[in-house]
Each structure stands twice: as structure tokens, then as C-alpha cells.
Amino acid sequence: MYISTEGGDSSGAQKIGDFFYISNDDDKTSTEVVFDCNDRCTQENQIAQVSGGVGALQAPVDNLISNWAFMLMTSLAWTLKAWAALLVPVNNGCLQQHTEEKRKLLRLESKTFVNAFIRIPCQIVRQGHRRIVRVLNWNPYLQAFFRLAAMLKC
């Protein structure tokens, strides 16, 4: 049996909390047990988002066909979020940073994704025969958004 703890640092900084991981898997090291538990927490967070955050399991309509249409729309929105995150290009120059951004995008809640990728406040200016789009607000996902937009522009 392995018991592993993870928490504050040794510099005397204030501890926020301790996490205890208990496992009966003798083949894994304590580090592997911690990473496996964290991966499982990611899955549980996604299940919680589908059941509560997205509203996928709370159809507001009264018949089976309407419920099916509502579930289809919810599934398409979730798929759009996942595909957008998977399609974000990773450049070799910033491999570690871009890979971390991609991982964060895959783990975003739906509401955060909508605010970061869909509801971007812009000013559109027509000047001669061209349009200028000015982004009026900054968010931490804009670099990934612009890489995705450049990649999708054929």
C-alpha cells in the first residue's frame, strides 16, 4: 500500500491544503499513483460539466424528439470545443508552451470556451476594399485563437 501526500512547500509558505492518495496497486510508484488519480479527477470534472455545466442532461423540453434535438445541439457544441482545442497548431519553437495551452484548452469548461473563443469583442472597420478587425479585449487564450484562425484560413 502506498500513501503519497502533495501539498505546501518547504520554504515555510502557508499551506493551502494536503491531498492524500491511497492505493493498493503495488506495481506503481507513488508518483504514478498521484498522476493516475489526477487523470481520474479530470474525467470526473468532465462528467460534472456534462451533467451540470453544459446542461446536457437537463433537457428543458417535453417530448422525446425535442430532447433528442437538444442533446444533439449540446453534443455539437461540446464537439466544437474539443475539435478547436485539438486543431490548435503547436509550433516547434514554443513546443512546451503550445502543448500546455492545448492541454488547457481541452480541459476548459464550456462557458469559459464560449467567453474565450466565441464572445471576443471586436471592432470591424471598412476601409476602401478591405476590412480591419480590431480585438478590443485581451484574454489568455487569444494567442491560441489566432494560431487556430491562421491555420483554418485556407
C-alpha atoms as a PDB file:
ATOM      1  CA  MET A   1       0.000   0.000   0.000  1.00  0.00           C
ATOM      2  CA  TYR A   2       1.295   3.419  -0.964  1.00  0.00           C
ATOM      3  CA  ILE A   3       0.305   6.649   0.740  1.00  0.00           C
ATOM      4  CA  SER A   4       1.514   9.760  -1.006  1.00  0.00           C
ATOM      5  CA  THR A   5       0.930  13.363   0.011  1.00  0.00           C
ATOM      6  CA  GLU A   6       1.105  16.512  -2.021  1.00  0.00           C
ATOM      7  CA  GLY A   7       0.795  19.986  -0.574  1.00  0.00           C
ATOM      8  CA  GLY A   8       2.634  23.127   0.524  1.00  0.00           C
ATOM      9  CA  ASP A   9       6.347  23.734   0.056  1.00  0.00           C
ATOM     10  CA  SER A  10       9.241  23.505   2.486  1.00  0.00           C
ATOM     11  CA  SER A  11      10.019  27.232   2.412  1.00  0.00           C
ATOM     12  CA  GLY A  12       7.583  27.940   5.228  1.00  0.00           C
ATOM     13  CA  ALA A  13       4.902  29.369   2.932  1.00  0.00           C
ATOM     14  CA  GLN A  14       1.336  28.973   4.078  1.00  0.00           C
ATOM     15  CA  LYS A  15      -0.170  25.609   3.145  1.00  0.00           C
ATOM     16  CA  ILE A  16      -3.452  25.699   1.336  1.00  0.00           C
ATOM     17  CA  GLY A  17      -4.215  22.014   1.786  1.00  0.00           C
ATOM     18  CA  ASP A  18      -2.900  18.478   1.605  1.00  0.00           C
ATOM     19  CA  PHE A  19      -4.023  15.744  -0.717  1.00  0.00           C
ATOM     20  CA  PHE A  20      -3.729  12.090   0.273  1.00  0.00           C
ATOM     21  CA  TYR A  21      -3.638   9.317  -2.273  1.00  0.00           C
ATOM     22  CA  ILE A  22      -4.179   5.761  -1.064  1.00  0.00           C
ATOM     23  CA  SER A  23      -3.784   2.832  -3.428  1.00  0.00           C
ATOM     24  CA  ASN A  24      -3.453  -0.933  -3.254  1.00  0.00           C
ATOM     25  CA  ASP A  25      -1.578  -1.125  -6.557  1.00  0.00           C
ATOM     26  CA  ASP A  26       1.878  -2.393  -5.588  1.00  0.00           C
ATOM     27  CA  ASP A  27       3.174  -2.257  -9.167  1.00  0.00           C
ATOM     28  CA  LYS A  28       3.058   1.554  -9.384  1.00  0.00           C
ATOM     29  CA  THR A  29       5.316   4.088  -7.763  1.00  0.00           C
ATOM     30  CA  SER A  30       3.793   6.790  -5.589  1.00  0.00           C
ATOM     31  CA  THR A  31       4.307   9.330  -8.398  1.00  0.00           C
ATOM     32  CA  GLU A  32       2.379   7.145 -10.839  1.00  0.00           C
ATOM     33  CA  VAL A  33      -0.447   6.759  -8.309  1.00  0.00           C
ATOM     34  CA  VAL A  34      -0.701  10.561  -7.964  1.00  0.00           C
ATOM     35  CA  PHE A  35      -0.782  11.093 -11.750  1.00  0.00           C
ATOM     36  CA  ASP A  36      -3.400   8.349 -12.211  1.00  0.00           C
ATOM     37  CA  CYS A  37      -5.613   9.944  -9.546  1.00  0.00           C
ATOM     38  CA  ASN A  38      -5.234  13.366 -11.147  1.00  0.00           C
ATOM     39  CA  ASP A  39      -6.193  11.927 -14.546  1.00  0.00           C
ATOM     40  CA  ARG A  40      -9.275  10.360 -12.978  1.00  0.00           C
ATOM     41  CA  CYS A  41     -10.200  13.734 -11.448  1.00  0.00           C
ATOM     42  CA  THR A  42     -10.068  15.236 -14.944  1.00  0.00           C
ATOM     43  CA  GLN A  43     -12.595  12.652 -16.140  1.00  0.00           C
ATOM     44  CA  GLU A  44     -14.842  13.312 -13.140  1.00  0.00           C
ATOM     45  CA  ASN A  45     -14.699  17.054 -13.873  1.00  0.00           C
ATOM     46  CA  GLN A  46     -15.764  16.409 -17.458  1.00  0.00           C
ATOM     47  CA  ILE A  47     -18.677  14.268 -16.273  1.00  0.00           C
ATOM     48  CA  ALA A  48     -19.689  17.053 -13.871  1.00  0.00           C
ATOM     49  CA  GLN A  49     -19.554  19.592 -16.711  1.00  0.00           C
ATOM     50  CA  VAL A  50     -21.755  17.472 -18.960  1.00  0.00           C
ATOM     51  CA  SER A  51     -24.305  16.890 -16.217  1.00  0.00           C
ATOM     52  CA  GLY A  52     -24.307  20.394 -14.727  1.00  0.00           C
ATOM     53  CA  GLY A  53     -22.262  22.976 -16.600  1.00  0.00           C
ATOM     54  CA  VAL A  54     -23.439  22.311 -20.139  1.00  0.00           C
ATOM     55  CA  GLY A  55     -26.921  21.220 -19.149  1.00  0.00           C
ATOM     56  CA  ALA A  56     -26.743  18.194 -21.422  1.00  0.00           C
ATOM     57  CA  LEU A  57     -28.686  16.005 -19.018  1.00  0.00           C
ATOM     58  CA  GLN A  58     -31.322  18.637 -18.209  1.00  0.00           C
ATOM     59  CA  ALA A  59     -33.401  18.923 -21.356  1.00  0.00           C
ATOM     60  CA  PRO A  60     -35.987  21.713 -20.966  1.00  0.00           C
ATOM     61  CA  VAL A  61     -38.475  20.244 -23.425  1.00  0.00           C
ATOM     62  CA  ASP A  62     -41.359  17.838 -23.037  1.00  0.00           C
ATOM     63  CA  ASN A  63     -41.103  15.150 -25.722  1.00  0.00           C
ATOM     64  CA  LEU A  64     -38.556  12.665 -26.998  1.00  0.00           C
ATOM     65  CA  ILE A  65     -37.845  14.297 -30.370  1.00  0.00           C
ATOM     66  CA  SER A  66     -37.256  17.704 -28.773  1.00  0.00           C
ATOM     67  CA  ASN A  67     -34.998  16.126 -26.158  1.00  0.00           C
ATOM     68  CA  TRP A  68     -33.044  14.412 -28.946  1.00  0.00           C
ATOM     69  CA  ALA A  69     -32.618  17.731 -30.792  1.00  0.00           C
ATOM     70  CA  PHE A  70     -31.474  19.438 -27.574  1.00  0.00           C
ATOM     71  CA  MET A  71     -28.934  16.670 -26.882  1.00  0.00           C
ATOM     72  CA  LEU A  72     -27.702  16.892 -30.481  1.00  0.00           C
ATOM     73  CA  MET A  73     -27.114  20.649 -30.164  1.00  0.00           C
ATOM     74  CA  THR A  74     -25.307  20.168 -26.875  1.00  0.00           C
ATOM     75  CA  SER A  75     -23.159  17.417 -28.367  1.00  0.00           C
ATOM     76  CA  LEU A  76     -22.270  19.601 -31.355  1.00  0.00           C
ATOM     77  CA  ALA A  77     -21.237  22.460 -29.052  1.00  0.00           C
ATOM     78  CA  TRP A  78     -19.058  20.118 -26.974  1.00  0.00           C
ATOM     79  CA  THR A  79     -17.533  18.667 -30.171  1.00  0.00           C
ATOM     80  CA  LEU A  80     -16.768  22.172 -31.497  1.00  0.00           C
ATOM     81  CA  LYS A  81     -14.898  22.940 -28.279  1.00  0.00           C
ATOM     82  CA  ALA A  82     -12.920  19.690 -28.417  1.00  0.00           C
ATOM     83  CA  TRP A  83     -12.038  19.984 -32.111  1.00  0.00           C
ATOM     84  CA  ALA A  84     -10.991  23.623 -31.740  1.00  0.00           C
ATOM     85  CA  ALA A  85      -8.633  22.616 -28.946  1.00  0.00           C
ATOM     86  CA  LEU A  86      -7.258  19.643 -30.888  1.00  0.00           C
ATOM     87  CA  LEU A  87      -6.697  21.677 -34.065  1.00  0.00           C
ATOM     88  CA  VAL A  88      -4.678  24.457 -32.415  1.00  0.00           C
ATOM     89  CA  PRO A  89      -1.246  24.186 -34.050  1.00  0.00           C
ATOM     90  CA  VAL A  90       1.835  23.527 -31.950  1.00  0.00           C
ATOM     91  CA  ASN A  91       4.927  25.298 -33.301  1.00  0.00           C
ATOM     92  CA  ASN A  92       8.338  23.704 -32.783  1.00  0.00           C
ATOM     93  CA  GLY A  93       9.848  26.923 -31.426  1.00  0.00           C
ATOM     94  CA  CYS A  94       7.454  27.008 -28.458  1.00  0.00           C
ATOM     95  CA  LEU A  95       6.682  23.304 -28.203  1.00  0.00           C
ATOM     96  CA  GLN A  96       6.258  23.099 -24.435  1.00  0.00           C
ATOM     97  CA  GLN A  97       4.208  26.309 -24.120  1.00  0.00           C
ATOM     98  CA  HIS A  98       1.904  25.447 -27.042  1.00  0.00           C
ATOM     99  CA  THR A  99       1.409  21.885 -25.811  1.00  0.00           C
ATOM    100  CA  GLU A 100       0.430  23.214 -22.381  1.00  0.00           C
ATOM    101  CA  GLU A 101      -2.003  25.692 -23.995  1.00  0.00           C
ATOM    102  CA  LYS A 102      -3.578  22.865 -25.988  1.00  0.00           C
ATOM    103  CA  ARG A 103      -3.991  20.775 -22.830  1.00  0.00           C
ATOM    104  CA  LYS A 104      -5.629  23.716 -21.035  1.00  0.00           C
ATOM    105  CA  LEU A 105      -7.995  24.293 -23.953  1.00  0.00           C
ATOM    106  CA  LEU A 106      -9.067  20.652 -23.889  1.00  0.00           C
ATOM    107  CA  ARG A 107      -9.888  20.953 -20.184  1.00  0.00           C
ATOM    108  CA  LEU A 108     -11.820  24.245 -20.452  1.00  0.00           C
ATOM    109  CA  GLU A 109     -15.372  24.391 -19.234  1.00  0.00           C
ATOM    110  CA  SER A 110     -17.893  25.181 -21.936  1.00  0.00           C
ATOM    111  CA  LYS A 111     -18.768  28.612 -20.545  1.00  0.00           C
ATOM    112  CA  THR A 112     -15.104  29.606 -20.422  1.00  0.00           C
ATOM    113  CA  PHE A 113     -14.615  28.374 -24.003  1.00  0.00           C
ATOM    114  CA  VAL A 114     -17.548  30.449 -25.218  1.00  0.00           C
ATOM    115  CA  ASN A 115     -16.211  33.564 -23.491  1.00  0.00           C
ATOM    116  CA  ALA A 116     -12.632  32.987 -24.706  1.00  0.00           C
ATOM    117  CA  PHE A 117     -13.248  31.854 -28.314  1.00  0.00           C
ATOM    118  CA  ILE A 118     -16.747  32.930 -29.335  1.00  0.00           C
ATOM    119  CA  ARG A 119     -17.562  36.151 -27.493  1.00  0.00           C
ATOM    120  CA  ILE A 120     -14.463  38.124 -28.442  1.00  0.00           C
ATOM    121  CA  PRO A 121     -15.317  41.833 -28.562  1.00  0.00           C
ATOM    122  CA  CYS A 122     -14.130  43.275 -31.874  1.00  0.00           C
ATOM    123  CA  GLN A 123     -14.432  46.458 -33.867  1.00  0.00           C
ATOM    124  CA  ILE A 124     -14.904  45.972 -37.592  1.00  0.00           C
ATOM    125  CA  VAL A 125     -13.774  48.876 -39.768  1.00  0.00           C
ATOM    126  CA  ARG A 126     -14.377  49.012 -43.504  1.00  0.00           C
ATOM    127  CA  GLN A 127     -11.704  50.974 -45.274  1.00  0.00           C
ATOM    128  CA  GLY A 128     -11.629  51.012 -49.041  1.00  0.00           C
ATOM    129  CA  HIS A 129     -11.828  47.420 -50.264  1.00  0.00           C
ATOM    130  CA  ARG A 130     -10.698  45.812 -47.026  1.00  0.00           C
ATOM    131  CA  ARG A 131     -11.992  45.087 -43.571  1.00  0.00           C
ATOM    132  CA  ILE A 132      -9.948  45.636 -40.443  1.00  0.00           C
ATOM    133  CA  VAL A 133     -10.916  43.629 -37.387  1.00  0.00           C
ATOM    134  CA  ARG A 134      -9.602  45.025 -34.115  1.00  0.00           C
ATOM    135  CA  VAL A 135      -9.769  42.903 -30.997  1.00  0.00           C
ATOM    136  CA  LEU A 136     -10.900  45.157 -28.164  1.00  0.00           C
ATOM    137  CA  ASN A 137     -10.241  42.896 -25.208  1.00  0.00           C
ATOM    138  CA  TRP A 138      -7.462  40.551 -24.177  1.00  0.00           C
ATOM    139  CA  ASN A 139      -7.809  37.072 -22.719  1.00  0.00           C
ATOM    140  CA  PRO A 140      -5.160  34.424 -22.077  1.00  0.00           C
ATOM    141  CA  TYR A 141      -6.406  32.237 -24.942  1.00  0.00           C
ATOM    142  CA  LEU A 142      -6.034  34.791 -27.759  1.00  0.00           C
ATOM    143  CA  GLN A 143      -2.636  33.517 -28.928  1.00  0.00           C
ATOM    144  CA  ALA A 144      -4.085  30.042 -29.391  1.00  0.00           C
ATOM    145  CA  PHE A 145      -7.175  31.561 -31.047  1.00  0.00           C
ATOM    146  CA  PHE A 146      -5.056  33.465 -33.591  1.00  0.00           C
ATOM    147  CA  ARG A 147      -2.929  30.372 -34.336  1.00  0.00           C
ATOM    148  CA  LEU A 148      -6.130  28.395 -34.911  1.00  0.00           C
ATOM    149  CA  ALA A 149      -7.600  31.144 -37.105  1.00  0.00           C
ATOM    150  CA  ALA A 150      -4.417  31.335 -39.200  1.00  0.00           C
ATOM    151  CA  MET A 151      -4.377  27.558 -39.602  1.00  0.00           C
ATOM    152  CA  LEU A 152      -8.050  27.419 -40.646  1.00  0.00           C
ATOM    153  CA  LYS A 153      -7.647  30.285 -43.150  1.00  0.00           C
ATOM    154  CA  CYS A 154      -7.132  28.428 -46.404  1.00  0.00           C
END
